[in-house]
Amino acid sequence: DETTGAAEWALSSRHVAVLSAIILGAVRAFFNQKCNVNWYSLVHALVTGSLSFVCVWLNEFGAESLTGTSEPLGSILCKGPLTSIHAIVPAITMGFGVFDIIEGFSHGIDFILHGFATFSIMAYFCEMGVPEIITPMLMMEISTLNLCLMRATFLSDRLLTVNILIFVMSFFAFRIVICPYLWWGIFSTCWANRDNPESQACLPWHFKYVTFTFGMFFNCLNSFWFYKIVRKFIRKMSGKEKLKEKNSLKDE
């Protein structure tokens, strides 16, 4: 804990999460579902998706030159977050998780599970004082941007078709390929260093098991959702379902 200042990061994460919940709550209250867009979800996806992308870019191309250690190895060895952004992004999503859970009750069991899992996992990493380890996984929120616009009334049929195409491609790219790849890098590095004293200085014994479990849960859930997305995409492209009908993952 002294290595990374876990207690300080945990407290800061709570403050950021509360602030995030307040801001997103204000967006939700002010905009509601104007133009059939879930604005607070769109704002969250825009902020976390873009910031996590920056963090992953820095991990891949700047970590060694900045610290002398590659990522995620540096985080696993308790070197602390590469930047403050790495520590803040999961806390923002922890605040969003409250609304994710509430929305889940009207969307079905898979959404409820997603909401609870998102909040719990963000809280776990933040409370452990190592939020930077989970930050790369939030890049999957990039695909949520197009999902939020799926029922937007200001989109013409042509623009909606483009949005659907981008959504299918971004969901596959970030949630089926890139993020599972990043997760495996985190888990495999964690497992390889499970007996390393440097790693044990900040990571509890159960950390590797939690990392494996949450990764498999989201990988399976995203695979299930992608199956539903492909079925819906085929129906729309074949004309069996109109472009502006049933444009959410809960509609089958």
Protein backbone atom coordinates (compact mmCIF):
# COMPACT_ATOMS: atom_id res chain seq x y z
CA ASP A 1 0.00 0.00 0.00
CA GLU A 2 2.85 2.39 0.75
CA THR A 3 4.30 1.65 -2.68
CA THR A 4 1.35 3.03 -4.65
CA GLY A 5 -0.38 5.14 -2.01
CA ALA A 6 -3.40 2.82 -2.23
CA ALA A 7 -5.33 4.52 0.58
CA GLU A 8 -4.94 7.93 -1.05
CA TRP A 9 -5.97 6.62 -4.48
CA ALA A 10 -8.99 4.84 -2.99
CA LEU A 11 -10.18 8.01 -1.28
CA SER A 12 -9.61 10.08 -4.42
CA SER A 13 -11.51 7.48 -6.46
CA ARG A 14 -14.51 7.76 -4.16
CA HIS A 15 -14.53 11.54 -4.55
CA VAL A 16 -14.28 11.28 -8.34
CA ALA A 17 -17.04 8.63 -8.39
CA VAL A 18 -19.39 10.85 -6.36
CA LEU A 19 -18.64 13.84 -8.59
CA SER A 20 -19.16 11.67 -11.67
CA ALA A 21 -22.53 10.46 -10.38
CA ILE A 22 -23.64 14.04 -9.63
CA ILE A 23 -22.63 15.34 -13.08
CA LEU A 24 -24.16 12.39 -14.93
CA GLY A 25 -27.29 12.71 -12.80
CA ALA A 26 -27.57 16.37 -13.80
CA VAL A 27 -27.15 15.46 -17.48
CA ARG A 28 -29.81 12.75 -17.11
CA ALA A 29 -32.24 15.14 -15.40
CA PHE A 30 -31.67 18.03 -17.81
CA PHE A 31 -31.63 16.17 -21.14
CA ASN A 32 -33.62 13.07 -20.15
CA GLN A 33 -34.22 11.16 -23.41
CA LYS A 34 -34.28 14.21 -25.67
CA CYS A 35 -34.31 13.17 -29.34
CA ASN A 36 -34.41 9.54 -28.14
CA VAL A 37 -30.77 9.67 -27.07
CA ASN A 38 -29.50 8.41 -23.71
CA TRP A 39 -27.40 11.53 -23.13
CA TYR A 40 -25.80 10.65 -19.79
CA SER A 41 -24.65 7.32 -21.19
CA LEU A 42 -23.33 9.10 -24.29
CA VAL A 43 -21.38 11.59 -22.15
CA HIS A 44 -19.90 8.77 -20.06
CA ALA A 45 -18.92 6.77 -23.15
CA LEU A 46 -17.34 9.82 -24.78
CA VAL A 47 -15.28 10.73 -21.71
CA THR A 48 -14.17 7.26 -20.61
CA GLY A 49 -13.75 5.89 -24.12
CA SER A 50 -11.53 8.73 -25.29
CA LEU A 51 -9.50 8.95 -22.06
CA SER A 52 -8.91 5.19 -21.90
CA PHE A 53 -7.80 5.27 -25.55
CA VAL A 54 -5.21 7.89 -24.62
CA CYS A 55 -4.10 5.75 -21.66
CA VAL A 56 -3.69 2.65 -23.81
CA TRP A 57 -1.73 4.66 -26.38
CA LEU A 58 0.60 5.91 -23.64
CA ASN A 59 0.93 2.38 -22.23
CA GLU A 60 1.93 0.98 -25.60
CA PHE A 61 4.17 3.76 -26.89
CA GLY A 62 5.26 5.83 -23.91
CA ALA A 63 5.55 3.67 -20.81
CA GLU A 64 9.10 2.41 -21.31
CA SER A 65 10.49 5.82 -22.27
CA LEU A 66 8.72 7.47 -19.31
CA THR A 67 9.35 4.91 -16.57
CA GLY A 68 11.74 2.31 -17.98
CA THR A 69 9.08 -0.41 -17.56
CA SER A 70 6.49 -1.56 -20.08
CA GLU A 71 2.78 -1.81 -19.28
CA PRO A 72 0.95 -3.62 -17.82
CA LEU A 73 4.11 -4.88 -16.10
CA GLY A 74 4.75 -1.56 -14.36
CA SER A 75 1.27 -1.49 -12.84
CA ILE A 76 1.47 -5.16 -11.80
CA LEU A 77 4.81 -4.44 -10.09
CA CYS A 78 3.20 -1.61 -8.12
CA LYS A 79 4.91 1.27 -9.92
CA GLY A 80 1.71 3.32 -9.71
CA PRO A 81 -0.35 4.93 -12.48
CA LEU A 82 1.53 6.18 -15.52
CA THR A 83 -0.54 9.41 -15.42
CA SER A 84 -3.35 10.77 -13.24
CA ILE A 85 -5.78 10.02 -16.07
CA HIS A 86 -5.04 6.31 -15.68
CA ALA A 87 -6.34 6.48 -12.10
CA ILE A 88 -9.34 8.74 -12.73
CA VAL A 89 -11.12 6.92 -15.57
CA PRO A 90 -12.26 3.84 -13.56
CA ALA A 91 -13.62 6.12 -10.83
CA ILE A 92 -15.73 7.96 -13.41
CA THR A 93 -17.21 4.63 -14.49
CA MET A 94 -17.78 3.65 -10.86
CA GLY A 95 -20.04 6.70 -10.54
CA PHE A 96 -21.77 5.80 -13.78
CA GLY A 97 -22.31 2.25 -12.51
CA VAL A 98 -25.13 3.43 -10.24
CA PHE A 99 -27.18 4.53 -13.27
CA ASP A 100 -26.14 1.43 -15.20
CA ILE A 101 -27.73 -0.71 -12.48
CA ILE A 102 -30.93 1.37 -12.43
CA GLU A 103 -31.27 1.18 -16.22
CA GLY A 104 -30.65 -2.57 -16.07
CA PHE A 105 -33.92 -3.22 -14.24
CA SER A 106 -35.87 -2.08 -17.30
CA HIS A 107 -33.67 -3.83 -19.86
CA GLY A 108 -33.33 -7.41 -18.62
CA ILE A 109 -31.16 -9.71 -16.51
CA ASP A 110 -28.07 -9.44 -18.73
CA PHE A 111 -28.11 -5.65 -18.32
CA ILE A 112 -28.63 -5.91 -14.57
CA LEU A 113 -25.65 -8.26 -14.32
CA HIS A 114 -23.61 -5.89 -16.47
CA GLY A 115 -24.49 -2.94 -14.22
CA PHE A 116 -23.62 -4.72 -10.97
CA ALA A 117 -20.45 -6.20 -12.47
CA THR A 118 -19.29 -2.84 -13.83
CA PHE A 119 -19.78 -1.05 -10.53
CA SER A 120 -18.28 -3.89 -8.46
CA ILE A 121 -15.20 -4.33 -10.62
CA MET A 122 -14.45 -0.59 -10.78
CA ALA A 123 -14.93 -0.37 -7.01
CA TYR A 124 -12.63 -3.35 -6.45
CA PHE A 125 -9.72 -1.94 -8.46
CA CYS A 126 -10.22 1.56 -7.05
CA GLU A 127 -10.39 0.33 -3.45
CA MET A 128 -7.27 -1.80 -3.99
CA GLY A 129 -5.51 1.42 -5.00
CA VAL A 130 -4.62 0.15 -8.49
CA PRO A 131 -7.31 1.63 -10.78
CA GLU A 132 -4.77 2.05 -13.59
CA ILE A 133 -4.76 -1.72 -14.18
CA ILE A 134 -8.43 -1.79 -15.25
CA THR A 135 -8.34 1.44 -17.28
CA PRO A 136 -7.46 -0.17 -20.66
CA MET A 137 -10.62 -2.29 -20.49
CA LEU A 138 -12.78 0.83 -20.54
CA MET A 139 -11.77 1.46 -24.13
CA MET A 140 -14.71 -0.81 -24.99
CA GLU A 141 -16.95 2.17 -24.15
CA ILE A 142 -16.03 3.62 -27.54
CA SER A 143 -18.57 1.28 -29.14
CA THR A 144 -21.27 2.62 -26.79
CA LEU A 145 -21.17 5.99 -28.56
CA ASN A 146 -22.93 4.58 -31.62
CA LEU A 147 -25.29 2.49 -29.52
CA CYS A 148 -26.52 5.66 -27.79
CA LEU A 149 -27.36 7.18 -31.19
CA MET A 150 -29.21 4.12 -32.47
CA ARG A 151 -32.67 5.60 -31.84
CA ALA A 152 -31.78 9.26 -32.40
CA THR A 153 -34.64 11.04 -34.15
CA PHE A 154 -32.30 13.52 -35.85
CA LEU A 155 -30.59 10.81 -37.91
CA SER A 156 -31.85 10.18 -41.45
CA ASP A 157 -32.15 6.61 -42.73
CA ARG A 158 -28.82 6.96 -44.50
CA LEU A 159 -27.02 8.29 -41.43
CA LEU A 160 -28.66 5.64 -39.26
CA THR A 161 -27.40 2.95 -41.62
CA VAL A 162 -23.88 4.37 -41.33
CA ASN A 163 -24.24 4.50 -37.54
CA ILE A 164 -25.34 0.85 -37.44
CA LEU A 165 -22.37 -0.21 -39.58
CA ILE A 166 -19.92 1.71 -37.40
CA PHE A 167 -21.50 0.25 -34.26
CA VAL A 168 -21.17 -3.34 -35.48
CA MET A 169 -17.54 -2.80 -36.49
CA SER A 170 -16.56 -0.90 -33.34
CA PHE A 171 -18.28 -3.45 -31.07
CA PHE A 172 -16.38 -6.26 -32.76
CA ALA A 173 -13.08 -4.36 -32.77
CA PHE A 174 -13.10 -3.12 -29.17
CA ARG A 175 -15.23 -5.65 -27.28
CA ILE A 176 -14.43 -8.87 -29.13
CA VAL A 177 -10.81 -8.32 -30.22
CA ILE A 178 -8.88 -5.44 -28.62
CA CYS A 179 -10.13 -5.42 -25.02
CA PRO A 180 -9.97 -9.22 -24.58
CA TYR A 181 -6.41 -9.02 -25.92
CA LEU A 182 -5.56 -6.29 -23.40
CA TRP A 183 -7.25 -8.26 -20.61
CA TRP A 184 -5.19 -11.34 -21.42
CA GLY A 185 -2.04 -9.24 -21.26
CA ILE A 186 -3.04 -7.99 -17.81
CA PHE A 187 -3.98 -11.42 -16.48
CA SER A 188 -0.98 -13.26 -17.93
CA THR A 189 1.41 -10.63 -16.54
CA CYS A 190 -0.31 -10.82 -13.17
CA TRP A 191 -0.09 -14.61 -13.13
CA ALA A 192 3.56 -14.63 -14.22
CA ASN A 193 4.42 -12.30 -11.33
CA ARG A 194 2.16 -13.89 -8.71
CA ASP A 195 5.19 -14.82 -6.56
CA ASN A 196 7.14 -11.64 -7.27
CA PRO A 197 7.69 -9.65 -4.03
CA GLU A 198 7.30 -6.39 -5.96
CA SER A 199 3.84 -7.42 -7.09
CA GLN A 200 2.87 -8.74 -3.68
CA ALA A 201 3.68 -5.33 -2.19
CA CYS A 202 0.35 -3.92 -3.44
CA LEU A 203 -1.70 -6.76 -4.91
CA PRO A 204 -3.58 -9.17 -2.61
CA TRP A 205 -3.49 -12.93 -3.21
CA HIS A 206 -7.00 -12.93 -4.71
CA PHE A 207 -6.23 -10.23 -7.27
CA LYS A 208 -5.27 -12.64 -10.06
CA TYR A 209 -8.46 -14.66 -9.56
CA VAL A 210 -10.67 -11.57 -9.63
CA THR A 211 -8.89 -10.38 -12.79
CA PHE A 212 -9.51 -13.72 -14.50
CA THR A 213 -13.14 -13.94 -13.38
CA PHE A 214 -14.19 -10.43 -14.38
CA GLY A 215 -12.45 -10.78 -17.75
CA MET A 216 -14.19 -14.04 -18.58
CA PHE A 217 -17.54 -12.61 -17.48
CA PHE A 218 -17.31 -9.58 -19.76
CA ASN A 219 -15.83 -11.56 -22.63
CA CYS A 220 -18.72 -14.03 -22.50
CA LEU A 221 -21.31 -11.28 -22.09
CA ASN A 222 -19.92 -9.28 -24.99
CA SER A 223 -19.82 -12.41 -27.16
CA PHE A 224 -23.49 -13.05 -26.32
CA TRP A 225 -24.37 -9.46 -27.17
CA PHE A 226 -22.41 -9.60 -30.42
CA TYR A 227 -24.40 -12.68 -31.42
CA LYS A 228 -27.60 -10.66 -30.87
CA ILE A 229 -26.14 -7.68 -32.74
CA VAL A 230 -25.25 -9.79 -35.79
CA ARG A 231 -28.76 -11.29 -35.88
CA LYS A 232 -30.31 -7.83 -35.68
CA PHE A 233 -27.91 -6.47 -38.31
CA ILE A 234 -28.86 -9.25 -40.74
CA ARG A 235 -32.58 -8.61 -40.20
CA LYS A 236 -32.17 -4.89 -40.88
CA MET A 237 -29.96 -5.29 -43.92
CA SER A 238 -32.33 -7.88 -45.38
CA GLY A 239 -35.34 -5.62 -44.86
CA LYS A 240 -37.08 -7.97 -42.41
CA GLU A 241 -36.86 -5.24 -39.77
CA LYS A 242 -37.13 -1.50 -40.39
CA LEU A 243 -34.08 0.66 -39.66
CA LYS A 244 -35.77 2.69 -36.94
CA GLU A 245 -37.49 -0.20 -35.18
CA LYS A 246 -36.25 -2.09 -32.12
CA ASN A 247 -32.89 -0.37 -32.04
CA SER A 248 -31.61 -1.53 -28.66
CA LEU A 249 -29.90 -4.70 -27.49
CA LYS A 250 -32.91 -5.67 -25.37
CA ASP A 251 -35.14 -5.89 -28.48
CA GLU A 252 -35.17 -9.26 -30.15
